[in-house]
Amino acid sequence: MDNENWNNYALLNSDSVPNLLLELEKETHQKVLQPRMLSGSLQGRLLSLFSNIIRPKTILEIGTYTGYSTICLAEGLSKNGKIHTIDNNEELVTIQNKYFKKSGFEKKICFYLGNAVEIIPKLKGPFELVFIDADKINYEKYFDFVIPKMSKGGLIISDNVMWSGKVLDEFDSIDENTVALKKYNKKLKNDPRVKTTILPFRDGLSLSWVI
């Protein structure tokens, strides 16, 4: 069975994707460059599930894009919970705001436009759930900024850690994103503050449990 059939079967037998997210996915593909950056239906349901299991008071998302994953993560927030989400692309703000309002989570979403390296140190935390899905070169910096602000037992989810299989290349790569992700994956494996498992799901998703 090919990957598309596996994916379709999984979606068919998983929680239904809310109509709002189907609408957002469609608009992203119609209006935004590189729509494959969207978390997508199955990953979105997984993010929502993690959030609902943890019931976090505070979530940090690094890389908002059009807001799909933001809404998925917000679905599991505890009462009066907040999700802080950061993106540096001003052109996406209109779509983000449109769907944040329609989702009903607008008051729970704190959006920051700018450089995450500059913004994260200003956020207090503690965070029970963090989703890293921004520029790959800075993944290590994001982790180092975030880990002191995590609650014990919190979860850090990092996206794209298999980078279309490029991290499997044994030779040195001139692709700086691949190099950065290979270093990041080794860092998480060897960091005593977390227990990490990589899921070979979609483009690779690492789960780091803060101990």
Protein backbone atom coordinates (compact mmCIF):
# COMPACT_ATOMS: atom_id res chain seq x y z
CA MET A 1 0.00 0.00 0.00
CA ASP A 2 1.43 3.41 -0.93
CA ASN A 3 1.76 6.34 1.46
CA GLU A 4 -1.30 8.12 0.09
CA ASN A 5 -3.49 5.10 0.72
CA TRP A 6 -2.08 4.70 4.21
CA ASN A 7 -2.76 8.38 4.90
CA ASN A 8 -6.32 8.23 3.54
CA TYR A 9 -7.10 5.12 5.59
CA ALA A 10 -5.71 6.77 8.74
CA LEU A 11 -7.80 9.89 8.17
CA LEU A 12 -10.92 7.84 7.49
CA ASN A 13 -10.55 6.07 10.83
CA SER A 14 -9.48 9.08 12.90
CA ASP A 15 -11.40 12.00 14.37
CA SER A 16 -13.03 14.09 11.66
CA VAL A 17 -11.24 17.27 10.66
CA PRO A 18 -13.32 20.34 11.54
CA ASN A 19 -14.82 22.09 8.53
CA LEU A 20 -13.03 25.32 9.45
CA LEU A 21 -9.67 23.61 9.08
CA LEU A 22 -10.67 22.10 5.75
CA GLU A 23 -11.56 25.63 4.62
CA LEU A 24 -8.23 26.99 5.89
CA GLU A 25 -6.29 24.22 4.15
CA LYS A 26 -8.07 24.98 0.87
CA GLU A 27 -7.42 28.73 1.12
CA THR A 28 -3.77 28.14 1.99
CA HIS A 29 -3.30 26.05 -1.16
CA GLN A 30 -5.08 28.69 -3.25
CA LYS A 31 -3.35 31.80 -1.95
CA VAL A 32 -0.05 31.02 -0.24
CA LEU A 33 3.32 29.96 -1.60
CA GLN A 34 4.67 26.61 -0.41
CA PRO A 35 1.35 25.27 0.93
CA ARG A 36 3.08 21.98 1.82
CA MET A 37 4.36 23.82 4.91
CA LEU A 38 0.86 23.42 6.32
CA SER A 39 0.66 20.82 9.10
CA GLY A 40 -2.08 18.98 7.25
CA SER A 41 -5.09 16.97 8.37
CA LEU A 42 -3.52 13.93 10.02
CA GLN A 43 -0.73 15.82 11.75
CA GLY A 44 -3.25 18.43 12.83
CA ARG A 45 -5.38 15.75 14.51
CA LEU A 46 -2.25 14.42 16.23
CA LEU A 47 -1.34 17.87 17.56
CA SER A 48 -4.89 18.33 18.78
CA LEU A 49 -4.76 14.94 20.51
CA PHE A 50 -1.51 15.74 22.33
CA SER A 51 -2.94 19.07 23.43
CA ASN A 52 -6.17 17.47 24.66
CA ILE A 53 -4.20 14.85 26.62
CA ILE A 54 -2.00 17.46 28.31
CA ARG A 55 -4.72 20.12 28.72
CA PRO A 56 -2.02 22.82 28.91
CA LYS A 57 -2.47 26.23 30.47
CA THR A 58 0.22 27.69 28.23
CA ILE A 59 1.43 26.61 24.78
CA LEU A 60 4.24 28.11 22.71
CA GLU A 61 4.25 27.68 18.95
CA ILE A 62 7.28 28.79 16.94
CA GLY A 63 6.12 29.16 13.34
CA THR A 64 2.47 30.09 12.86
CA TYR A 65 2.28 29.96 9.06
CA THR A 66 -1.45 30.36 8.21
CA GLY A 67 -2.59 29.30 11.68
CA TYR A 68 -3.68 25.71 11.01
CA SER A 69 -1.54 24.11 13.71
CA THR A 70 -2.30 27.00 16.06
CA ILE A 71 -6.00 26.19 15.96
CA CYS A 72 -5.33 22.45 16.34
CA LEU A 73 -3.21 23.07 19.44
CA ALA A 74 -5.74 25.54 20.88
CA GLU A 75 -8.39 22.81 20.83
CA GLY A 76 -6.83 21.23 23.92
CA LEU A 77 -6.16 24.32 26.01
CA SER A 78 -7.43 24.25 29.57
CA LYS A 79 -9.97 26.83 30.70
CA ASN A 80 -8.39 30.30 30.50
CA GLY A 81 -5.38 28.76 28.72
CA LYS A 82 -3.31 30.67 26.17
CA ILE A 83 -1.25 29.79 23.12
CA HIS A 84 1.62 32.11 22.24
CA THR A 85 2.50 31.83 18.56
CA ILE A 86 5.32 33.53 16.65
CA ASP A 87 5.85 34.16 12.94
CA ASN A 88 7.89 36.65 10.94
CA ASN A 89 5.81 36.70 7.74
CA GLU A 90 3.62 39.80 7.74
CA GLU A 91 1.87 38.69 4.54
CA LEU A 92 0.12 35.85 6.36
CA VAL A 93 -1.44 37.94 9.13
CA THR A 94 -4.71 38.56 7.28
CA ILE A 95 -5.40 34.84 6.81
CA GLN A 96 -4.32 34.07 10.37
CA ASN A 97 -6.66 36.67 11.86
CA LYS A 98 -9.55 35.56 9.67
CA TYR A 99 -9.41 31.98 10.87
CA PHE A 100 -8.48 32.76 14.48
CA LYS A 101 -11.71 34.78 14.71
CA LYS A 102 -13.78 32.07 13.02
CA SER A 103 -12.31 29.36 15.27
CA GLY A 104 -13.63 30.85 18.50
CA PHE A 105 -10.12 30.73 20.00
CA GLU A 106 -9.19 34.30 19.15
CA LYS A 107 -9.03 35.42 22.80
CA LYS A 108 -6.80 32.46 23.67
CA ILE A 109 -4.27 33.18 20.91
CA CYS A 110 -1.41 35.64 21.53
CA PHE A 111 0.27 36.31 18.20
CA TYR A 112 3.72 37.86 17.86
CA LEU A 113 5.06 39.14 14.55
CA GLY A 114 8.82 39.15 14.43
CA ASN A 115 12.01 37.19 15.06
CA ALA A 116 11.45 34.26 17.42
CA VAL A 117 15.07 34.45 18.62
CA GLU A 118 14.29 37.91 19.98
CA ILE A 119 10.75 37.21 21.19
CA ILE A 120 11.11 33.91 23.08
CA PRO A 121 13.47 35.29 25.77
CA LYS A 122 10.81 37.90 26.60
CA LEU A 123 8.08 35.30 27.24
CA LYS A 124 7.76 34.15 30.83
CA GLY A 125 6.31 30.66 30.61
CA PRO A 126 6.13 28.10 32.05
CA PHE A 127 5.06 26.15 28.96
CA GLU A 128 3.52 22.71 29.13
CA LEU A 129 3.52 22.22 25.37
CA VAL A 130 5.80 23.66 22.67
CA PHE A 131 5.61 23.14 18.92
CA ILE A 132 8.71 24.07 16.90
CA ASP A 133 8.03 24.43 13.18
CA ALA A 134 9.99 27.42 11.91
CA ASP A 135 13.39 27.98 10.24
CA LYS A 136 15.42 24.83 10.74
CA ILE A 137 18.77 26.56 11.19
CA ASN A 138 17.60 28.00 14.52
CA TYR A 139 16.04 24.85 15.99
CA GLU A 140 18.90 24.44 18.47
CA LYS A 141 18.56 28.06 19.60
CA TYR A 142 14.82 27.70 20.01
CA PHE A 143 15.27 24.58 22.11
CA ASP A 144 17.90 26.26 24.30
CA PHE A 145 15.63 29.26 24.85
CA VAL A 146 12.59 27.11 25.58
CA ILE A 147 13.92 24.34 27.82
CA PRO A 148 14.44 26.56 30.91
CA LYS A 149 10.85 27.78 30.53
CA MET A 150 9.28 24.31 30.37
CA SER A 151 7.15 22.72 33.06
CA LYS A 152 8.41 19.38 34.33
CA GLY A 153 6.54 16.74 32.35
CA GLY A 154 6.00 19.15 29.48
CA LEU A 155 6.28 18.16 25.83
CA ILE A 156 8.35 19.75 23.05
CA ILE A 157 7.28 18.72 19.55
CA SER A 158 9.65 19.48 16.66
CA ASP A 159 8.50 19.19 13.06
CA ASN A 160 10.39 18.27 9.85
CA VAL A 161 13.23 16.55 11.70
CA MET A 162 13.71 13.98 8.91
CA TRP A 163 13.73 16.69 6.21
CA SER A 164 12.46 14.58 3.31
CA GLY A 165 14.99 11.89 4.22
CA LYS A 166 17.99 14.18 3.72
CA VAL A 167 19.15 13.60 7.30
CA LEU A 168 19.82 9.97 6.33
CA ASP A 169 22.65 11.04 4.04
CA GLU A 170 25.92 9.85 5.56
CA PHE A 171 27.96 12.43 3.71
CA ASP A 172 28.40 16.05 4.66
CA SER A 173 25.77 18.15 2.96
CA ILE A 174 25.99 21.66 1.61
CA ASP A 175 22.35 22.06 2.60
CA GLU A 176 22.61 24.06 5.82
CA ASN A 177 19.09 23.05 6.87
CA THR A 178 20.01 19.37 6.68
CA VAL A 179 23.21 19.96 8.65
CA ALA A 180 21.29 21.92 11.29
CA LEU A 181 18.62 19.25 11.67
CA LYS A 182 21.16 16.42 11.99
CA LYS A 183 22.88 18.36 14.78
CA TYR A 184 19.52 19.11 16.40
CA ASN A 185 18.44 15.47 16.39
CA LYS A 186 21.71 14.41 18.03
CA LYS A 187 21.34 17.20 20.56
CA LEU A 188 17.89 16.03 21.64
CA LYS A 189 19.03 12.41 21.90
CA ASN A 190 21.94 13.35 24.16
CA ASP A 191 20.30 16.06 26.29
CA PRO A 192 19.67 14.63 29.80
CA ARG A 193 16.81 17.05 30.41
CA VAL A 194 14.53 15.32 27.91
CA LYS A 195 13.56 11.88 26.68
CA THR A 196 13.09 12.01 22.91
CA THR A 197 11.49 9.75 20.34
CA ILE A 198 11.35 10.54 16.62
CA LEU A 199 8.22 9.44 14.82
CA PRO A 200 8.86 8.66 11.11
CA PHE A 201 5.54 10.36 10.45
CA ARG A 202 5.09 12.68 7.49
CA ASP A 203 8.39 14.63 7.45
CA GLY A 204 9.49 13.43 10.88
CA LEU A 205 8.15 14.56 14.23
CA SER A 206 10.24 14.44 17.39
CA LEU A 207 8.62 14.24 20.81
CA SER A 208 10.76 15.44 23.70
CA TRP A 209 9.39 14.84 27.18
CA VAL A 210 10.85 17.15 29.83
CA ILE A 211 11.99 15.16 32.86
